[in-house]
PDB file of N, CA and C in Angstrom:
ATOM      1  N   LYS A   1     -60.487 133.678  27.406  1.00  0.00           N
ATOM      2  CA  LYS A   1     -60.568 132.301  26.956  1.00  0.00           C
ATOM      3  C   LYS A   1     -61.387 132.259  25.660  1.00  0.00           C
ATOM      4  N   PRO A   2     -60.834 131.742  24.584  1.00  0.00           N
ATOM      5  CA  PRO A   2     -61.599 131.623  23.346  1.00  0.00           C
ATOM      6  C   PRO A   2     -62.602 130.455  23.408  1.00  0.00           C
ATOM      7  N   TYR A   3     -63.693 130.619  22.707  1.00  0.00           N
ATOM      8  CA  TYR A   3     -64.745 129.599  22.653  1.00  0.00           C
ATOM      9  C   TYR A   3     -65.168 129.361  21.207  1.00  0.00           C
ATOM     10  N   ARG A   4     -65.747 128.213  20.961  1.00  0.00           N
ATOM     11  CA  ARG A   4     -66.487 127.922  19.735  1.00  0.00           C
ATOM     12  C   ARG A   4     -67.950 127.882  20.166  1.00  0.00           C
ATOM     13  N   PHE A   5     -68.784 128.683  19.512  1.00  0.00           N
ATOM     14  CA  PHE A   5     -70.159 128.816  19.982  1.00  0.00           C
ATOM     15  C   PHE A   5     -71.128 129.103  18.842  1.00  0.00           C
ATOM     16  N   ASN A   6     -72.402 129.008  19.182  1.00  0.00           N
ATOM     17  CA  ASN A   6     -73.498 129.376  18.285  1.00  0.00           C
ATOM     18  C   ASN A   6     -74.301 130.467  18.980  1.00  0.00           C
ATOM     19  N   PHE A   7     -74.834 131.401  18.205  1.00  0.00           N
ATOM     20  CA  PHE A   7     -75.717 132.405  18.781  1.00  0.00           C
ATOM     21  C   PHE A   7     -77.063 131.765  19.090  1.00  0.00           C
ATOM     22  N   LYS A   8     -77.700 132.232  20.150  1.00  0.00           N
ATOM     23  CA  LYS A   8     -78.998 131.687  20.540  1.00  0.00           C
ATOM     24  C   LYS A   8     -80.050 131.898  19.461  1.00  0.00           C
ATOM     25  N   ASN A   9     -79.973 133.023  18.746  1.00  0.00           N
ATOM     26  CA  ASN A   9     -81.003 133.317  17.746  1.00  0.00           C
ATOM     27  C   ASN A   9     -80.684 132.727  16.372  1.00  0.00           C
ATOM     28  N   ASP A  10     -79.499 132.102  16.206  1.00  0.00           N
ATOM     29  CA  ASP A  10     -79.151 131.435  14.944  1.00  0.00           C
ATOM     30  C   ASP A  10     -78.170 130.316  15.244  1.00  0.00           C
ATOM     31  N   THR A  11     -78.701 129.180  15.638  1.00  0.00           N
ATOM     32  CA  THR A  11     -77.850 128.061  16.052  1.00  0.00           C
ATOM     33  C   THR A  11     -77.182 127.350  14.880  1.00  0.00           C
ATOM     34  N   SER A  12     -77.518 127.734  13.655  1.00  0.00           N
ATOM     35  CA  SER A  12     -76.920 127.066  12.497  1.00  0.00           C
ATOM     36  C   SER A  12     -75.522 127.597  12.179  1.00  0.00           C
ATOM     37  N   VAL A  13     -75.143 128.732  12.765  1.00  0.00           N
ATOM     38  CA  VAL A  13     -73.837 129.347  12.499  1.00  0.00           C
ATOM     39  C   VAL A  13     -72.935 129.131  13.708  1.00  0.00           C
ATOM     40  N   THR A  14     -71.770 128.515  13.476  1.00  0.00           N
ATOM     41  CA  THR A  14     -70.793 128.294  14.534  1.00  0.00           C
ATOM     42  C   THR A  14     -69.627 129.261  14.334  1.00  0.00           C
ATOM     43  N   LEU A  15     -69.245 129.926  15.412  1.00  0.00           N
ATOM     44  CA  LEU A  15     -68.170 130.914  15.363  1.00  0.00           C
ATOM     45  C   LEU A  15     -67.123 130.626  16.428  1.00  0.00           C
ATOM     46  N   ASP A  16     -65.935 131.152  16.223  1.00  0.00           N
ATOM     47  CA  ASP A  16     -64.883 131.147  17.239  1.00  0.00           C
ATOM     48  C   ASP A  16     -64.736 132.571  17.741  1.00  0.00           C
ATOM     49  N   GLY A  17     -64.637 132.744  19.038  1.00  0.00           N
ATOM     50  CA  GLY A  17     -64.506 134.089  19.576  1.00  0.00           C
ATOM     51  C   GLY A  17     -64.463 134.075  21.086  1.00  0.00           C
ATOM     52  N   PHE A  18     -64.864 135.200  21.645  1.00  0.00           N
ATOM     53  CA  PHE A  18     -64.843 135.389  23.091  1.00  0.00           C
ATOM     54  C   PHE A  18     -66.240 135.717  23.578  1.00  0.00           C
ATOM     55  N   TYR A  19     -66.530 135.383  24.825  1.00  0.00           N
ATOM     56  CA  TYR A  19     -67.780 135.815  25.435  1.00  0.00           C
ATOM     57  C   TYR A  19     -67.571 137.256  25.891  1.00  0.00           C
ATOM     58  N   ALA A  20     -68.468 138.127  25.477  1.00  0.00           N
ATOM     59  CA  ALA A  20     -68.308 139.553  25.757  1.00  0.00           C
ATOM     60  C   ALA A  20     -68.215 139.835  27.252  1.00  0.00           C
ATOM     61  N   HIS A  21     -69.047 139.172  28.059  1.00  0.00           N
ATOM     62  CA  HIS A  21     -69.015 139.466  29.494  1.00  0.00           C
ATOM     63  C   HIS A  21     -67.690 139.066  30.124  1.00  0.00           C
ATOM     64  N   GLU A  22     -67.015 138.049  29.588  1.00  0.00           N
ATOM     65  CA  GLU A  22     -65.690 137.683  30.095  1.00  0.00           C
ATOM     66  C   GLU A  22     -64.634 138.661  29.590  1.00  0.00           C
ATOM     67  N   ALA A  23     -64.740 139.052  28.331  1.00  0.00           N
ATOM     68  CA  ALA A  23     -63.784 140.011  27.767  1.00  0.00           C
ATOM     69  C   ALA A  23     -63.887 141.357  28.471  1.00  0.00           C
ATOM     70  N   SER A  24     -65.077 141.730  28.920  1.00  0.00           N
ATOM     71  CA  SER A  24     -65.263 143.026  29.572  1.00  0.00           C
ATOM     72  C   SER A  24     -64.468 143.132  30.871  1.00  0.00           C
ATOM     73  N   GLU A  25     -64.152 142.006  31.486  1.00  0.00           N
ATOM     74  CA  GLU A  25     -63.351 142.016  32.711  1.00  0.00           C
ATOM     75  C   GLU A  25     -61.899 142.392  32.426  1.00  0.00           C
ATOM     76  N   VAL A  26     -61.443 142.111  31.205  1.00  0.00           N
ATOM     77  CA  VAL A  26     -60.047 142.351  30.829  1.00  0.00           C
ATOM     78  C   VAL A  26     -59.912 143.611  29.981  1.00  0.00           C
ATOM     79  N   VAL A  27     -60.812 143.799  29.018  1.00  0.00           N
ATOM     80  CA  VAL A  27     -60.743 144.923  28.078  1.00  0.00           C
ATOM     81  C   VAL A  27     -62.139 145.560  27.985  1.00  0.00           C
ATOM     82  N   PRO A  28     -62.547 146.274  29.022  1.00  0.00           N
ATOM     83  CA  PRO A  28     -63.914 146.813  29.032  1.00  0.00           C
ATOM     84  C   PRO A  28     -64.214 147.757  27.873  1.00  0.00           C
ATOM     85  N   GLU A  29     -63.187 148.455  27.371  1.00  0.00           N
ATOM     86  CA  GLU A  29     -63.422 149.399  26.276  1.00  0.00           C
ATOM     87  C   GLU A  29     -63.752 148.700  24.964  1.00  0.00           C
ATOM     88  N   ALA A  30     -63.568 147.388  24.890  1.00  0.00           N
ATOM     89  CA  ALA A  30     -63.861 146.644  23.667  1.00  0.00           C
ATOM     90  C   ALA A  30     -65.286 146.089  23.646  1.00  0.00           C
ATOM     91  N   VAL A  31     -66.010 146.230  24.749  1.00  0.00           N
ATOM     92  CA  VAL A  31     -67.321 145.589  24.876  1.00  0.00           C
ATOM     93  C   VAL A  31     -68.426 146.635  24.979  1.00  0.00           C
ATOM     94  N   VAL A  32     -69.498 146.394  24.245  1.00  0.00           N
ATOM     95  CA  VAL A  32     -70.691 147.239  24.344  1.00  0.00           C
ATOM     96  C   VAL A  32     -71.864 146.372  24.782  1.00  0.00           C
ATOM     97  N   GLY A  33     -72.772 146.976  25.511  1.00  0.00           N
ATOM     98  CA  GLY A  33     -73.958 146.257  25.959  1.00  0.00           C
ATOM     99  C   GLY A  33     -73.790 145.680  27.352  1.00  0.00           C
ATOM    100  N   THR A  34     -74.862 145.051  27.805  1.00  0.00           N
ATOM    101  CA  THR A  34     -74.922 144.486  29.150  1.00  0.00           C
ATOM    102  C   THR A  34     -75.220 142.996  29.061  1.00  0.00           C
ATOM    103  N   LYS A  35     -74.550 142.212  29.904  1.00  0.00           N
ATOM    104  CA  LYS A  35     -74.756 140.761  29.905  1.00  0.00           C
ATOM    105  C   LYS A  35     -76.229 140.435  30.165  1.00  0.00           C
ATOM    106  N   ASP A  36     -76.769 139.530  29.353  1.00  0.00           N
ATOM    107  CA  ASP A  36     -78.135 139.015  29.497  1.00  0.00           C
ATOM    108  C   ASP A  36     -79.214 140.098  29.378  1.00  0.00           C
ATOM    109  N   ALA A  37     -78.926 141.189  28.691  1.00  0.00           N
ATOM    110  CA  ALA A  37     -79.918 142.258  28.527  1.00  0.00           C
ATOM    111  C   ALA A  37     -81.001 141.851  27.537  1.00  0.00           C
ATOM    112  N   VAL A  38     -82.187 142.378  27.765  1.00  0.00           N
ATOM    113  CA  VAL A  38     -83.311 142.190  26.842  1.00  0.00           C
ATOM    114  C   VAL A  38     -83.947 143.549  26.579  1.00  0.00           C
ATOM    115  N   ASP A  39     -84.595 143.679  25.425  1.00  0.00           N
ATOM    116  CA  ASP A  39     -85.259 144.945  25.097  1.00  0.00           C
ATOM    117  C   ASP A  39     -86.665 144.959  25.706  1.00  0.00           C
ATOM    118  N   ALA A  40     -87.423 145.996  25.393  1.00  0.00           N
ATOM    119  CA  ALA A  40     -88.761 146.170  25.970  1.00  0.00           C
ATOM    120  C   ALA A  40     -89.721 145.032  25.628  1.00  0.00           C
ATOM    121  N   GLU A  41     -89.471 144.366  24.471  1.00  0.00           N
ATOM    122  CA  GLU A  41     -90.332 143.249  24.074  1.00  0.00           C
ATOM    123  C   GLU A  41     -89.824 141.905  24.580  1.00  0.00           C
ATOM    124  N   GLY A  42     -88.735 141.924  25.315  1.00  0.00           N
ATOM    125  CA  GLY A  42     -88.182 140.680  25.847  1.00  0.00           C
ATOM    126  C   GLY A  42     -87.227 139.974  24.907  1.00  0.00           C
ATOM    127  N   ASN A  43     -86.860 140.622  23.807  1.00  0.00           N
ATOM    128  CA  ASN A  43     -85.890 140.043  22.867  1.00  0.00           C
ATOM    129  C   ASN A  43     -84.464 140.247  23.376  1.00  0.00           C
ATOM    130  N   ILE A  44     -83.590 139.336  23.018  1.00  0.00           N
ATOM    131  CA  ILE A  44     -82.191 139.442  23.423  1.00  0.00           C
ATOM    132  C   ILE A  44     -81.578 140.716  22.861  1.00  0.00           C
ATOM    133  N   ASP A  45     -80.922 141.480  23.718  1.00  0.00           N
ATOM    134  CA  ASP A  45     -80.158 142.665  23.319  1.00  0.00           C
ATOM    135  C   ASP A  45     -78.689 142.316  23.581  1.00  0.00           C
ATOM    136  N   ALA A  46     -78.107 141.617  22.620  1.00  0.00           N
ATOM    137  CA  ALA A  46     -76.796 140.990  22.819  1.00  0.00           C
ATOM    138  C   ALA A  46     -75.666 142.000  23.017  1.00  0.00           C
ATOM    139  N   GLN A  47     -74.709 141.599  23.831  1.00  0.00           N
ATOM    140  CA  GLN A  47     -73.465 142.352  23.952  1.00  0.00           C
ATOM    141  C   GLN A  47     -72.656 142.147  22.683  1.00  0.00           C
ATOM    142  N   GLY A  48     -71.719 143.032  22.453  1.00  0.00           N
ATOM    143  CA  GLY A  48     -70.846 142.883  21.304  1.00  0.00           C
ATOM    144  C   GLY A  48     -69.413 143.208  21.682  1.00  0.00           C
ATOM    145  N   ILE A  49     -68.483 142.757  20.839  1.00  0.00           N
ATOM    146  CA  ILE A  49     -67.063 143.018  21.053  1.00  0.00           C
ATOM    147  C   ILE A  49     -66.497 143.674  19.802  1.00  0.00           C
ATOM    148  N   ASP A  50     -65.792 144.781  19.998  1.00  0.00           N
ATOM    149  CA  ASP A  50     -65.026 145.404  18.928  1.00  0.00           C
ATOM    150  C   ASP A  50     -63.665 144.716  18.949  1.00  0.00           C
ATOM    151  N   GLN A  51     -63.529 143.664  18.137  1.00  0.00           N
ATOM    152  CA  GLN A  51     -62.323 142.839  18.189  1.00  0.00           C
ATOM    153  C   GLN A  51     -61.076 143.589  17.761  1.00  0.00           C
ATOM    154  N   SER A  52     -61.227 144.690  17.025  1.00  0.00           N
ATOM    155  CA  SER A  52     -60.047 145.465  16.639  1.00  0.00           C
ATOM    156  C   SER A  52     -59.345 146.042  17.866  1.00  0.00           C
ATOM    157  N   LYS A  53     -60.080 146.234  18.952  1.00  0.00           N
ATOM    158  CA  LYS A  53     -59.466 146.745  20.180  1.00  0.00           C
ATOM    159  C   LYS A  53     -58.681 145.663  20.919  1.00  0.00           C
ATOM    160  N   LEU A  54     -58.858 144.408  20.541  1.00  0.00           N
ATOM    161  CA  LEU A  54     -58.099 143.310  21.138  1.00  0.00           C
ATOM    162  C   LEU A  54     -56.763 143.092  20.443  1.00  0.00           C
ATOM    163  N   VAL A  55     -56.660 143.505  19.188  1.00  0.00           N
ATOM    164  CA  VAL A  55     -55.466 143.229  18.382  1.00  0.00           C
ATOM    165  C   VAL A  55     -54.174 143.745  19.027  1.00  0.00           C
ATOM    166  N   PRO A  56     -54.110 144.999  19.502  1.00  0.00           N
ATOM    167  CA  PRO A  56     -52.860 145.461  20.113  1.00  0.00           C
ATOM    168  C   PRO A  56     -52.458 144.642  21.339  1.00  0.00           C
ATOM    169  N   LEU A  57     -53.445 144.250  22.141  1.00  0.00           N
ATOM    170  CA  LEU A  57     -53.141 143.457  23.335  1.00  0.00           C
ATOM    171  C   LEU A  57     -52.648 142.061  22.963  1.00  0.00           C
ATOM    172  N   LEU A  58     -53.285 141.457  21.974  1.00  0.00           N
ATOM    173  CA  LEU A  58     -52.864 140.133  21.535  1.00  0.00           C
ATOM    174  C   LEU A  58     -51.484 140.181  20.886  1.00  0.00           C
ATOM    175  N   THR A  59     -51.206 141.250  20.140  1.00  0.00           N
ATOM    176  CA  THR A  59     -49.894 141.419  19.520  1.00  0.00           C
ATOM    177  C   THR A  59     -48.814 141.560  20.583  1.00  0.00           C
ATOM    178  N   ALA A  60     -49.072 142.365  21.607  1.00  0.00           N
ATOM    179  CA  ALA A  60     -48.104 142.541  22.693  1.00  0.00           C
ATOM    180  C   ALA A  60     -47.865 141.225  23.431  1.00  0.00           C
ATOM    181  N   ALA A  61     -48.914 140.469  23.667  1.00  0.00           N
ATOM    182  CA  ALA A  61     -48.765 139.176  24.347  1.00  0.00           C
ATOM    183  C   ALA A  61     -47.937 138.209  23.507  1.00  0.00           C
ATOM    184  N   LEU A  62     -48.161 138.224  22.203  1.00  0.00           N
ATOM    185  CA  LEU A  62     -47.388 137.359  21.309  1.00  0.00           C
ATOM    186  C   LEU A  62     -45.923 137.779  21.299  1.00  0.00           C
ATOM    187  N   GLN A  63     -45.658 139.073  21.254  1.00  0.00           N
ATOM    188  CA  GLN A  63     -44.283 139.554  21.278  1.00  0.00           C
ATOM    189  C   GLN A  63     -43.579 139.134  22.572  1.00  0.00           C
ATOM    190  N   GLU A  64     -44.283 139.221  23.681  1.00  0.00           N
ATOM    191  CA  GLU A  64     -43.721 138.808  24.969  1.00  0.00           C
ATOM    192  C   GLU A  64     -43.423 137.307  24.973  1.00  0.00           C
ATOM    193  N   ALA A  65     -44.334 136.519  24.448  1.00  0.00           N
ATOM    194  CA  ALA A  65     -44.132 135.071  24.392  1.00  0.00           C
ATOM    195  C   ALA A  65     -42.947 134.718  23.495  1.00  0.00           C
ATOM    196  N   ILE A  66     -42.822 135.382  22.360  1.00  0.00           N
ATOM    197  CA  ILE A  66     -41.700 135.129  21.448  1.00  0.00           C
ATOM    198  C   ILE A  66     -40.379 135.462  22.138  1.00  0.00           C
ATOM    199  N   ALA A  67     -40.336 136.573  22.861  1.00  0.00           N
ATOM    200  CA  ALA A  67     -39.110 136.960  23.576  1.00  0.00           C
ATOM    201  C   ALA A  67     -38.727 135.900  24.605  1.00  0.00           C
ATOM    202  N   LYS A  68     -39.702 135.379  25.330  1.00  0.00           N
ATOM    203  CA  LYS A  68     -39.425 134.334  26.325  1.00  0.00           C
ATOM    204  C   LYS A  68     -38.936 133.058  25.644  1.00  0.00           C
ATOM    205  N   ILE A  69     -39.538 132.701  24.532  1.00  0.00           N
ATOM    206  CA  ILE A  69     -39.119 131.504  23.789  1.00  0.00           C
ATOM    207  C   ILE A  69     -37.681 131.653  23.325  1.00  0.00           C
ATOM    208  N   GLU A  70     -37.339 132.829  22.811  1.00  0.00           N
ATOM    209  CA  GLU A  70     -35.975 133.056  22.334  1.00  0.00           C
ATOM    210  C   GLU A  70     -34.965 132.925  23.466  1.00  0.00           C
ATOM    211  N   VAL A  71     -35.288 133.444  24.652  1.00  0.00           N
ATOM    212  CA  VAL A  71     -34.401 133.304  25.814  1.00  0.00           C
ATOM    213  C   VAL A  71     -34.242 131.834  26.174  1.00  0.00           C
ATOM    214  N   LEU A  72     -35.337 131.101  26.195  1.00  0.00           N
ATOM    215  CA  LEU A  72     -35.277 129.674  26.534  1.00  0.00           C
ATOM    216  C   LEU A  72     -34.496 128.882  25.492  1.00  0.00           C
ATOM    217  N   GLU A  73     -34.668 129.211  24.212  1.00  0.00           N
ATOM    218  CA  GLU A  73     -33.907 128.532  23.160  1.00  0.00           C
ATOM    219  C   GLU A  73     -32.415 128.780  23.313  1.00  0.00           C
ATOM    220  N   THR A  74     -32.053 129.992  23.683  1.00  0.00           N
ATOM    221  CA  THR A  74     -30.643 130.334  23.910  1.00  0.00           C
ATOM    222  C   THR A  74     -30.080 129.531  25.086  1.00  0.00           C
ATOM    223  N   LYS A  75     -30.861 129.429  26.156  1.00  0.00           N
ATOM    224  CA  LYS A  75     -30.422 128.660  27.321  1.00  0.00           C
ATOM    225  C   LYS A  75     -30.283 127.175  26.997  1.00  0.00           C
ATOM    226  N   VAL A  76     -31.218 126.637  26.236  1.00  0.00           N
ATOM    227  CA  VAL A  76     -31.158 125.215  25.844  1.00  0.00           C
ATOM    228  C   VAL A  76     -29.936 124.975  24.972  1.00  0.00           C
ATOM    229  N   ALA A  77     -29.684 125.871  24.029  1.00  0.00           N
ATOM    230  CA  ALA A  77     -28.516 125.724  23.148  1.00  0.00           C
ATOM    231  C   ALA A  77     -27.230 125.765  23.964  1.00  0.00           C
ATOM    232  N   ALA A  78     -27.160 126.651  24.960  1.00  0.00           N
ATOM    233  CA  ALA A  78     -25.962 126.738  25.803  1.00  0.00           C
ATOM    234  C   ALA A  78     -25.791 125.464  26.634  1.00  0.00           C
ATOM    235  N   LEU A  79     -26.884 124.926  27.142  1.00  0.00           N
ATOM    236  CA  LEU A  79     -26.802 123.670  27.919  1.00  0.00           C
ATOM    237  C   LEU A  79     -26.384 122.502  27.054  1.00  0.00           C
ATOM    238  N   GLU A  80     -26.912 122.448  25.829  1.00  0.00           N
ATOM    239  CA  GLU A  80     -26.558 121.370  24.926  1.00  0.00           C
ATOM    240  C   GLU A  80     -25.103 121.456  24.473  1.00  0.00           C
ATOM    241  N   ALA A  81     -24.581 122.674  24.349  1.00  0.00           N
ATOM    242  CA  ALA A  81     -23.192 122.873  23.925  1.00  0.00           C
ATOM    243  C   ALA A  81     -22.210 122.611  25.065  1.00  0.00           C
ATOM    244  N   GLY A  82     -22.695 122.779  26.293  1.00  0.00           N
ATOM    245  CA  GLY A  82     -21.814 122.683  27.454  1.00  0.00           C
ATOM    246  C   GLY A  82     -21.621 121.297  27.891  1.00  0.00           C
TER     247      GLY A  82
END
């Protein structure tokens, strides 16, 4: 699920993206770090996402969706012609 969010340590910057802990359930190889981790001084040790590892999956999903749309368009055209 995509989100629009601000980082806790810089609330002035708004980004669109994914929550790493949610992405790790689907694409664990794209996520580094541990949810809610802190370093020895208690500072946030944020998780990160290598978004380049999401691109092939998103491309495949888009290709699948396009194929389904094309089938549905063909069926609609046949119904309208019939």
